[in-house]
PDB file of all heavy atoms in Angstrom:
ATOM      1  N   GLY A   1     -23.376  14.895  -3.125  1.00  0.00           N
ATOM      2  CA  GLY A   1     -23.697  14.160  -4.348  1.00  0.00           C
ATOM      3  C   GLY A   1     -25.179  14.144  -4.635  1.00  0.00           C
ATOM      4  O   GLY A   1     -25.972  14.819  -3.968  1.00  0.00           O
ATOM      5  N   HIS A   2     -25.534  13.384  -5.648  1.00  0.00           N
ATOM      6  CA  HIS A   2     -26.967  13.230  -6.060  1.00  0.00           C
ATOM      7  C   HIS A   2     -27.277  11.769  -6.167  1.00  0.00           C
ATOM      8  O   HIS A   2     -26.398  10.919  -6.126  1.00  0.00           O
ATOM      9  CB  HIS A   2     -27.217  13.926  -7.379  1.00  0.00           C
ATOM     10  CG  HIS A   2     -26.831  15.372  -7.379  1.00  0.00           C
ATOM     11  ND1 HIS A   2     -27.597  16.351  -6.825  1.00  0.00           N
ATOM     12  CD2 HIS A   2     -25.687  15.988  -7.868  1.00  0.00           C
ATOM     13  CE1 HIS A   2     -26.989  17.529  -6.956  1.00  0.00           C
ATOM     14  NE2 HIS A   2     -25.821  17.326  -7.566  1.00  0.00           N
ATOM     15  N   GLY A   3     -28.517  11.465  -6.337  1.00  0.00           N
ATOM     16  CA  GLY A   3     -28.926  10.081  -6.539  1.00  0.00           C
ATOM     17  C   GLY A   3     -29.053   9.306  -5.218  1.00  0.00           C
ATOM     18  O   GLY A   3     -28.953   9.925  -4.125  1.00  0.00           O
ATOM     19  N   PRO A   4     -29.158   7.999  -5.306  1.00  0.00           N
ATOM     20  CA  PRO A   4     -29.341   7.200  -4.109  1.00  0.00           C
ATOM     21  C   PRO A   4     -28.079   7.119  -3.253  1.00  0.00           C
ATOM     22  O   PRO A   4     -26.981   7.285  -3.780  1.00  0.00           O
ATOM     23  CB  PRO A   4     -29.716   5.809  -4.657  1.00  0.00           C
ATOM     24  CG  PRO A   4     -29.105   5.781  -6.013  1.00  0.00           C
ATOM     25  CD  PRO A   4     -29.162   7.174  -6.556  1.00  0.00           C
ATOM     26  N   ILE A   5     -28.261   6.866  -1.971  1.00  0.00           N
ATOM     27  CA  ILE A   5     -27.109   6.552  -1.103  1.00  0.00           C
ATOM     28  C   ILE A   5     -27.057   5.018  -1.052  1.00  0.00           C
ATOM     29  O   ILE A   5     -27.949   4.368  -0.508  1.00  0.00           O
ATOM     30  CB  ILE A   5     -27.314   7.194   0.287  1.00  0.00           C
ATOM     31  CG1 ILE A   5     -27.258   8.695   0.119  1.00  0.00           C
ATOM     32  CG2 ILE A   5     -26.254   6.699   1.258  1.00  0.00           C
ATOM     33  CD1 ILE A   5     -27.707   9.490   1.336  1.00  0.00           C
ATOM     34  N   LEU A   6     -26.049   4.454  -1.682  1.00  0.00           N
ATOM     35  CA  LEU A   6     -26.027   3.022  -1.973  1.00  0.00           C
ATOM     36  C   LEU A   6     -25.382   2.171  -0.879  1.00  0.00           C
ATOM     37  O   LEU A   6     -25.565   0.958  -0.855  1.00  0.00           O
ATOM     38  CB  LEU A   6     -25.285   2.754  -3.296  1.00  0.00           C
ATOM     39  CG  LEU A   6     -25.956   3.377  -4.548  1.00  0.00           C
ATOM     40  CD1 LEU A   6     -25.066   3.231  -5.750  1.00  0.00           C
ATOM     41  CD2 LEU A   6     -27.314   2.681  -4.775  1.00  0.00           C
ATOM     42  N   ARG A   7     -24.617   2.815   0.021  1.00  0.00           N
ATOM     43  CA  ARG A   7     -23.945   2.051   1.028  1.00  0.00           C
ATOM     44  C   ARG A   7     -23.889   2.841   2.328  1.00  0.00           C
ATOM     45  O   ARG A   7     -23.661   4.066   2.278  1.00  0.00           O
ATOM     46  CB  ARG A   7     -22.477   1.730   0.599  1.00  0.00           C
ATOM     47  CG  ARG A   7     -22.352   0.605  -0.415  1.00  0.00           C
ATOM     48  CD  ARG A   7     -22.530  -0.701   0.324  1.00  0.00           C
ATOM     49  NE  ARG A   7     -22.179  -1.887  -0.410  1.00  0.00           N
ATOM     50  CZ  ARG A   7     -23.046  -2.577  -1.147  1.00  0.00           C
ATOM     51  NH1 ARG A   7     -24.263  -2.099  -1.351  1.00  0.00           N
ATOM     52  NH2 ARG A   7     -22.691  -3.690  -1.732  1.00  0.00           N
ATOM     53  N   ASP A   8     -24.033   2.149   3.464  1.00  0.00           N
ATOM     54  CA  ASP A   8     -23.902   2.780   4.776  1.00  0.00           C
ATOM     55  C   ASP A   8     -23.142   1.816   5.687  1.00  0.00           C
ATOM     56  O   ASP A   8     -23.217   0.600   5.459  1.00  0.00           O
ATOM     57  CB  ASP A   8     -25.287   3.119   5.301  1.00  0.00           C
ATOM     58  CG  ASP A   8     -25.252   3.913   6.595  1.00  0.00           C
ATOM     59  OD1 ASP A   8     -24.197   4.513   6.897  1.00  0.00           O
ATOM     60  OD2 ASP A   8     -26.258   3.953   7.340  1.00  0.00           O
ATOM     61  N   GLU A   9     -22.480   2.374   6.676  1.00  0.00           N
ATOM     62  CA  GLU A   9     -21.731   1.498   7.634  1.00  0.00           C
ATOM     63  C   GLU A   9     -20.811   0.514   6.881  1.00  0.00           C
ATOM     64  O   GLU A   9     -20.792  -0.678   7.190  1.00  0.00           O
ATOM     65  CB  GLU A   9     -22.682   0.743   8.549  1.00  0.00           C
ATOM     66  CG  GLU A   9     -23.569   1.621   9.419  1.00  0.00           C
ATOM     67  CD  GLU A   9     -22.812   2.311  10.537  1.00  0.00           C
ATOM     68  OE1 GLU A   9     -21.633   2.018  10.771  1.00  0.00           O
ATOM     69  OE2 GLU A   9     -23.470   3.145  11.220  1.00  0.00           O
ATOM     70  N   VAL A  10     -20.071   1.025   5.892  1.00  0.00           N
ATOM     71  CA  VAL A  10     -19.147   0.181   5.167  1.00  0.00           C
ATOM     72  C   VAL A  10     -18.072  -0.349   6.115  1.00  0.00           C
ATOM     73  O   VAL A  10     -17.548   0.416   6.950  1.00  0.00           O
ATOM     74  CB  VAL A  10     -18.498   0.956   4.002  1.00  0.00           C
ATOM     75  CG1 VAL A  10     -17.418   0.114   3.277  1.00  0.00           C
ATOM     76  CG2 VAL A  10     -19.537   1.412   2.989  1.00  0.00           C
ATOM     77  N   GLY A  11     -17.757  -1.619   5.999  1.00  0.00           N
ATOM     78  CA  GLY A  11     -16.791  -2.226   6.950  1.00  0.00           C
ATOM     79  C   GLY A  11     -15.700  -3.021   6.244  1.00  0.00           C
ATOM     80  O   GLY A  11     -15.549  -4.224   6.499  1.00  0.00           O
ATOM     81  N   CYS A  12     -14.943  -2.388   5.352  1.00  0.00           N
ATOM     82  CA  CYS A  12     -13.819  -3.084   4.671  1.00  0.00           C
ATOM     83  C   CYS A  12     -12.730  -3.378   5.697  1.00  0.00           C
ATOM     84  O   CYS A  12     -12.514  -2.640   6.646  1.00  0.00           O
ATOM     85  CB  CYS A  12     -13.241  -2.218   3.567  1.00  0.00           C
ATOM     86  SG  CYS A  12     -14.372  -1.609   2.321  1.00  0.00           S
ATOM     87  N   GLU A  13     -11.999  -4.441   5.433  1.00  0.00           N
ATOM     88  CA  GLU A  13     -10.801  -4.730   6.229  1.00  0.00           C
ATOM     89  C   GLU A  13      -9.589  -4.096   5.570  1.00  0.00           C
ATOM     90  O   GLU A  13      -8.551  -3.949   6.232  1.00  0.00           O
ATOM     91  CB  GLU A  13     -10.616  -6.232   6.416  1.00  0.00           C
ATOM     92  CG  GLU A  13     -11.674  -6.810   7.344  1.00  0.00           C
ATOM     93  CD  GLU A  13     -11.592  -8.320   7.466  1.00  0.00           C
ATOM     94  OE1 GLU A  13     -10.506  -8.875   7.102  1.00  0.00           O
ATOM     95  OE2 GLU A  13     -12.541  -8.925   7.940  1.00  0.00           O
ATOM     96  N   GLY A  14      -9.683  -3.750   4.279  1.00  0.00           N
ATOM     97  CA  GLY A  14      -8.608  -3.077   3.604  1.00  0.00           C
ATOM     98  C   GLY A  14      -7.938  -3.911   2.485  1.00  0.00           C
ATOM     99  O   GLY A  14      -7.229  -3.363   1.663  1.00  0.00           O
ATOM    100  N   HIS A  15      -8.223  -5.234   2.505  1.00  0.00           N
ATOM    101  CA  HIS A  15      -7.576  -6.106   1.497  1.00  0.00           C
ATOM    102  C   HIS A  15      -8.503  -6.447   0.345  1.00  0.00           C
ATOM    103  O   HIS A  15      -8.125  -7.041  -0.641  1.00  0.00           O
ATOM    104  CB  HIS A  15      -7.112  -7.420   2.149  1.00  0.00           C
ATOM    105  CG  HIS A  15      -8.223  -8.163   2.816  1.00  0.00           C
ATOM    106  ND1 HIS A  15      -9.197  -8.851   2.129  1.00  0.00           N
ATOM    107  CD2 HIS A  15      -8.559  -8.260   4.130  1.00  0.00           C
ATOM    108  CE1 HIS A  15     -10.077  -9.342   2.997  1.00  0.00           C
ATOM    109  NE2 HIS A  15      -9.706  -9.017   4.210  1.00  0.00           N
ATOM    110  N   GLU A  16      -9.788  -6.045   0.437  1.00  0.00           N
ATOM    111  CA  GLU A  16     -10.741  -6.380  -0.610  1.00  0.00           C
ATOM    112  C   GLU A  16     -10.346  -5.751  -1.937  1.00  0.00           C
ATOM    113  O   GLU A  16      -9.754  -4.689  -2.003  1.00  0.00           O
ATOM    114  CB  GLU A  16     -12.150  -5.881  -0.222  1.00  0.00           C
ATOM    115  CG  GLU A  16     -12.737  -6.571   1.006  1.00  0.00           C
ATOM    116  CD  GLU A  16     -12.345  -5.927   2.335  1.00  0.00           C
ATOM    117  OE1 GLU A  16     -11.472  -5.028   2.352  1.00  0.00           O
ATOM    118  OE2 GLU A  16     -12.923  -6.302   3.371  1.00  0.00           O
ATOM    119  N   ARG A  17     -10.723  -6.431  -3.039  1.00  0.00           N
ATOM    120  CA  ARG A  17     -10.376  -5.921  -4.382  1.00  0.00           C
ATOM    121  C   ARG A  17     -11.377  -4.887  -4.885  1.00  0.00           C
ATOM    122  O   ARG A  17     -11.116  -4.133  -5.785  1.00  0.00           O
ATOM    123  CB  ARG A  17     -10.348  -7.087  -5.369  1.00  0.00           C
ATOM    124  CG  ARG A  17      -9.172  -8.022  -5.243  1.00  0.00           C
ATOM    125  CD  ARG A  17      -9.111  -8.948  -6.453  1.00  0.00           C
ATOM    126  NE  ARG A  17     -10.453  -9.508  -6.746  1.00  0.00           N
ATOM    127  CZ  ARG A  17     -10.868 -10.650  -6.312  1.00  0.00           C
ATOM    128  NH1 ARG A  17     -10.084 -11.427  -5.548  1.00  0.00           N
ATOM    129  NH2 ARG A  17     -12.071 -11.106  -6.631  1.00  0.00           N
ATOM    130  N   ASP A  18     -12.563  -4.854  -4.284  1.00  0.00           N
ATOM    131  CA  ASP A  18     -13.678  -4.043  -4.819  1.00  0.00           C
ATOM    132  C   ASP A  18     -14.522  -3.587  -3.644  1.00  0.00           C
ATOM    133  O   ASP A  18     -14.773  -4.356  -2.700  1.00  0.00           O
ATOM    134  CB  ASP A  18     -14.504  -4.986  -5.736  1.00  0.00           C
ATOM    135  CG  ASP A  18     -15.574  -4.243  -6.489  1.00  0.00           C
ATOM    136  OD1 ASP A  18     -16.371  -3.535  -5.877  1.00  0.00           O
ATOM    137  OD2 ASP A  18     -15.642  -4.428  -7.729  1.00  0.00           O
ATOM    138  N   LEU A  19     -14.968  -2.346  -3.691  1.00  0.00           N
ATOM    139  CA  LEU A  19     -15.778  -1.812  -2.594  1.00  0.00           C
ATOM    140  C   LEU A  19     -17.096  -2.608  -2.364  1.00  0.00           C
ATOM    141  O   LEU A  19     -17.594  -2.707  -1.267  1.00  0.00           O
ATOM    142  CB  LEU A  19     -16.095  -0.351  -2.840  1.00  0.00           C
ATOM    143  CG  LEU A  19     -16.662   0.462  -1.632  1.00  0.00           C
ATOM    144  CD1 LEU A  19     -15.644   0.504  -0.504  1.00  0.00           C
ATOM    145  CD2 LEU A  19     -17.048   1.883  -2.048  1.00  0.00           C
ATOM    146  N   TRP A  20     -17.606  -3.172  -3.485  1.00  0.00           N
ATOM    147  CA  TRP A  20     -18.857  -3.983  -3.320  1.00  0.00           C
ATOM    148  C   TRP A  20     -18.626  -5.244  -2.513  1.00  0.00           C
ATOM    149  O   TRP A  20     -19.616  -5.841  -2.009  1.00  0.00           O
ATOM    150  CB  TRP A  20     -19.396  -4.332  -4.699  1.00  0.00           C
ATOM    151  CG  TRP A  20     -19.898  -3.181  -5.516  1.00  0.00           C
ATOM    152  CD1 TRP A  20     -19.282  -2.558  -6.540  1.00  0.00           C
ATOM    153  CD2 TRP A  20     -21.159  -2.513  -5.346  1.00  0.00           C
ATOM    154  NE1 TRP A  20     -20.055  -1.534  -7.032  1.00  0.00           N
ATOM    155  CE2 TRP A  20     -21.229  -1.490  -6.312  1.00  0.00           C
ATOM    156  CE3 TRP A  20     -22.247  -2.674  -4.476  1.00  0.00           C
ATOM    157  CZ2 TRP A  20     -22.335  -0.610  -6.441  1.00  0.00           C
ATOM    158  CZ3 TRP A  20     -23.331  -1.799  -4.597  1.00  0.00           C
ATOM    159  CH2 TRP A  20     -23.364  -0.793  -5.571  1.00  0.00           C
ATOM    160  N   GLU A  21     -17.385  -5.680  -2.361  1.00  0.00           N
ATOM    161  CA  GLU A  21     -17.122  -6.903  -1.595  1.00  0.00           C
ATOM    162  C   GLU A  21     -17.192  -6.658  -0.077  1.00  0.00           C
ATOM    163  O   GLU A  21     -17.236  -7.596   0.721  1.00  0.00           O
ATOM    164  CB  GLU A  21     -15.699  -7.444  -1.898  1.00  0.00           C
ATOM    165  CG  GLU A  21     -15.537  -8.040  -3.280  1.00  0.00           C
ATOM    166  CD  GLU A  21     -14.100  -8.482  -3.513  1.00  0.00           C
ATOM    167  OE1 GLU A  21     -13.342  -8.679  -2.533  1.00  0.00           O
ATOM    168  OE2 GLU A  21     -13.742  -8.667  -4.698  1.00  0.00           O
ATOM    169  N   CYS A  22     -17.111  -5.379   0.305  1.00  0.00           N
ATOM    170  CA  CYS A  22     -17.075  -5.076   1.749  1.00  0.00           C
ATOM    171  C   CYS A  22     -18.455  -5.154   2.346  1.00  0.00           C
ATOM    172  O   CYS A  22     -19.459  -4.775   1.718  1.00  0.00           O
ATOM    173  CB  CYS A  22     -16.521  -3.663   1.948  1.00  0.00           C
ATOM    174  SG  CYS A  22     -14.869  -3.409   1.284  1.00  0.00           S
ATOM    175  N   PRO A  23     -18.566  -5.630   3.605  1.00  0.00           N
ATOM    176  CA  PRO A  23     -19.872  -5.648   4.247  1.00  0.00           C
ATOM    177  C   PRO A  23     -20.403  -4.212   4.415  1.00  0.00           C
ATOM    178  O   PRO A  23     -19.628  -3.274   4.654  1.00  0.00           O
ATOM    179  CB  PRO A  23     -19.589  -6.317   5.586  1.00  0.00           C
ATOM    180  CG  PRO A  23     -18.120  -6.214   5.780  1.00  0.00           C
ATOM    181  CD  PRO A  23     -17.485  -6.190   4.439  1.00  0.00           C
ATOM    182  N   ALA A  24     -21.683  -4.050   4.275  1.00  0.00           N
ATOM    183  CA  ALA A  24     -22.312  -2.723   4.436  1.00  0.00           C
ATOM    184  C   ALA A  24     -23.791  -2.905   4.674  1.00  0.00           C
ATOM    185  O   ALA A  24     -24.378  -3.935   4.366  1.00  0.00           O
ATOM    186  CB  ALA A  24     -22.068  -1.871   3.165  1.00  0.00           C
ATOM    187  N   GLU A  25     -24.432  -1.856   5.228  1.00  0.00           N
ATOM    188  CA  GLU A  25     -25.835  -1.823   5.401  1.00  0.00           C
ATOM    189  C   GLU A  25     -26.504  -1.278   4.112  1.00  0.00           C
ATOM    190  O   GLU A  25     -26.001  -0.308   3.530  1.00  0.00           O
ATOM    191  CB  GLU A  25     -26.219  -0.889   6.561  1.00  0.00           C
ATOM    192  CG  GLU A  25     -25.699  -1.343   7.912  1.00  0.00           C
ATOM    193  CD  GLU A  25     -26.380  -2.639   8.382  1.00  0.00           C
ATOM    194  OE1 GLU A  25     -27.584  -2.810   8.132  1.00  0.00           O
ATOM    195  OE2 GLU A  25     -25.674  -3.437   8.989  1.00  0.00           O
ATOM    196  N   LEU A  26     -27.589  -1.902   3.717  1.00  0.00           N
ATOM    197  CA  LEU A  26     -28.270  -1.391   2.529  1.00  0.00           C
ATOM    198  C   LEU A  26     -29.275  -0.324   2.933  1.00  0.00           C
ATOM    199  O   LEU A  26     -29.572   0.610   2.203  1.00  0.00           O
ATOM    200  CB  LEU A  26     -28.950  -2.560   1.797  1.00  0.00           C
ATOM    201  CG  LEU A  26     -27.961  -3.582   1.234  1.00  0.00           C
ATOM    202  CD1 LEU A  26     -28.703  -4.723   0.574  1.00  0.00           C
ATOM    203  CD2 LEU A  26     -27.037  -2.941   0.243  1.00  0.00           C
ATOM    204  N   GLU A  27     -29.891  -0.516   4.107  1.00  0.00           N
ATOM    205  CA  GLU A  27     -30.788   0.537   4.652  1.00  0.00           C
ATOM    206  C   GLU A  27     -29.908   1.598   5.258  1.00  0.00           C
ATOM    207  O   GLU A  27     -28.883   1.310   5.842  1.00  0.00           O
ATOM    208  CB  GLU A  27     -31.701  -0.083   5.723  1.00  0.00           C
ATOM    209  CG  GLU A  27     -32.635  -1.150   5.177  1.00  0.00           C
ATOM    210  CD  GLU A  27     -33.607  -0.623   4.168  1.00  0.00           C
ATOM    211  OE1 GLU A  27     -34.211   0.436   4.429  1.00  0.00           O
ATOM    212  OE2 GLU A  27     -33.760  -1.263   3.113  1.00  0.00           O
ATOM    213  N   HIS A  28     -30.322   2.856   5.146  1.00  0.00           N
ATOM    214  CA  HIS A  28     -29.529   3.933   5.722  1.00  0.00           C
ATOM    215  C   HIS A  28     -30.409   5.028   6.274  1.00  0.00           C
ATOM    216  O   HIS A  28     -31.589   5.108   5.936  1.00  0.00           O
ATOM    217  CB  HIS A  28     -28.569   4.528   4.639  1.00  0.00           C
ATOM    218  CG  HIS A  28     -29.315   5.305   3.612  1.00  0.00           C
ATOM    219  ND1 HIS A  28     -29.674   6.596   3.771  1.00  0.00           N
ATOM    220  CD2 HIS A  28     -29.733   4.946   2.361  1.00  0.00           C
ATOM    221  CE1 HIS A  28     -30.326   7.020   2.699  1.00  0.00           C
ATOM    222  NE2 HIS A  28     -30.396   6.042   1.820  1.00  0.00           N
ATOM    223  N   ASP A  29     -29.846   5.851   7.175  1.00  0.00           N
ATOM    224  CA  ASP A  29     -30.564   6.984   7.722  1.00  0.00           C
ATOM    225  C   ASP A  29     -29.728   8.243   7.448  1.00  0.00           C
ATOM    226  O   ASP A  29     -29.569   9.081   8.277  1.00  0.00           O
ATOM    227  CB  ASP A  29     -30.812   6.808   9.204  1.00  0.00           C
ATOM    228  CG  ASP A  29     -29.548   6.477   9.972  1.00  0.00           C
ATOM    229  OD1 ASP A  29     -28.465   6.392   9.343  1.00  0.00           O
ATOM    230  OD2 ASP A  29     -29.605   6.315  11.182  1.00  0.00           O
ATOM    231  N   CYS A  30     -29.167   8.291   6.242  1.00  0.00           N
ATOM    232  CA  CYS A  30     -28.218   9.359   5.893  1.00  0.00           C
ATOM    233  C   CYS A  30     -28.832  10.338   4.896  1.00  0.00           C
ATOM    234  O   CYS A  30     -29.787  10.021   4.208  1.00  0.00           O
ATOM    235  CB  CYS A  30     -26.965   8.753   5.259  1.00  0.00           C
ATOM    236  SG  CYS A  30     -26.151   7.522   6.291  1.00  0.00           S
ATOM    237  N   SER A  31     -28.197  11.487   4.831  1.00  0.00           N
ATOM    238  CA  SER A  31     -28.490  12.414   3.726  1.00  0.00           C
ATOM    239  C   SER A  31     -27.177  12.724   3.021  1.00  0.00           C
ATOM    240  O   SER A  31     -26.115  12.329   3.473  1.00  0.00           O
ATOM    241  CB  SER A  31     -29.141  13.695   4.246  1.00  0.00           C
ATOM    242  OG  SER A  31     -28.156  14.467   4.957  1.00  0.00           O
TER     243      SER A  31
END
């Protein structure tokens, strides 16, 4: 993809209604 990497280490439990509700790291070391 292009643009920023907005989420890293996403940790949904599976019942959340929206991906933004899941805990995640804002800092990342990804490409």
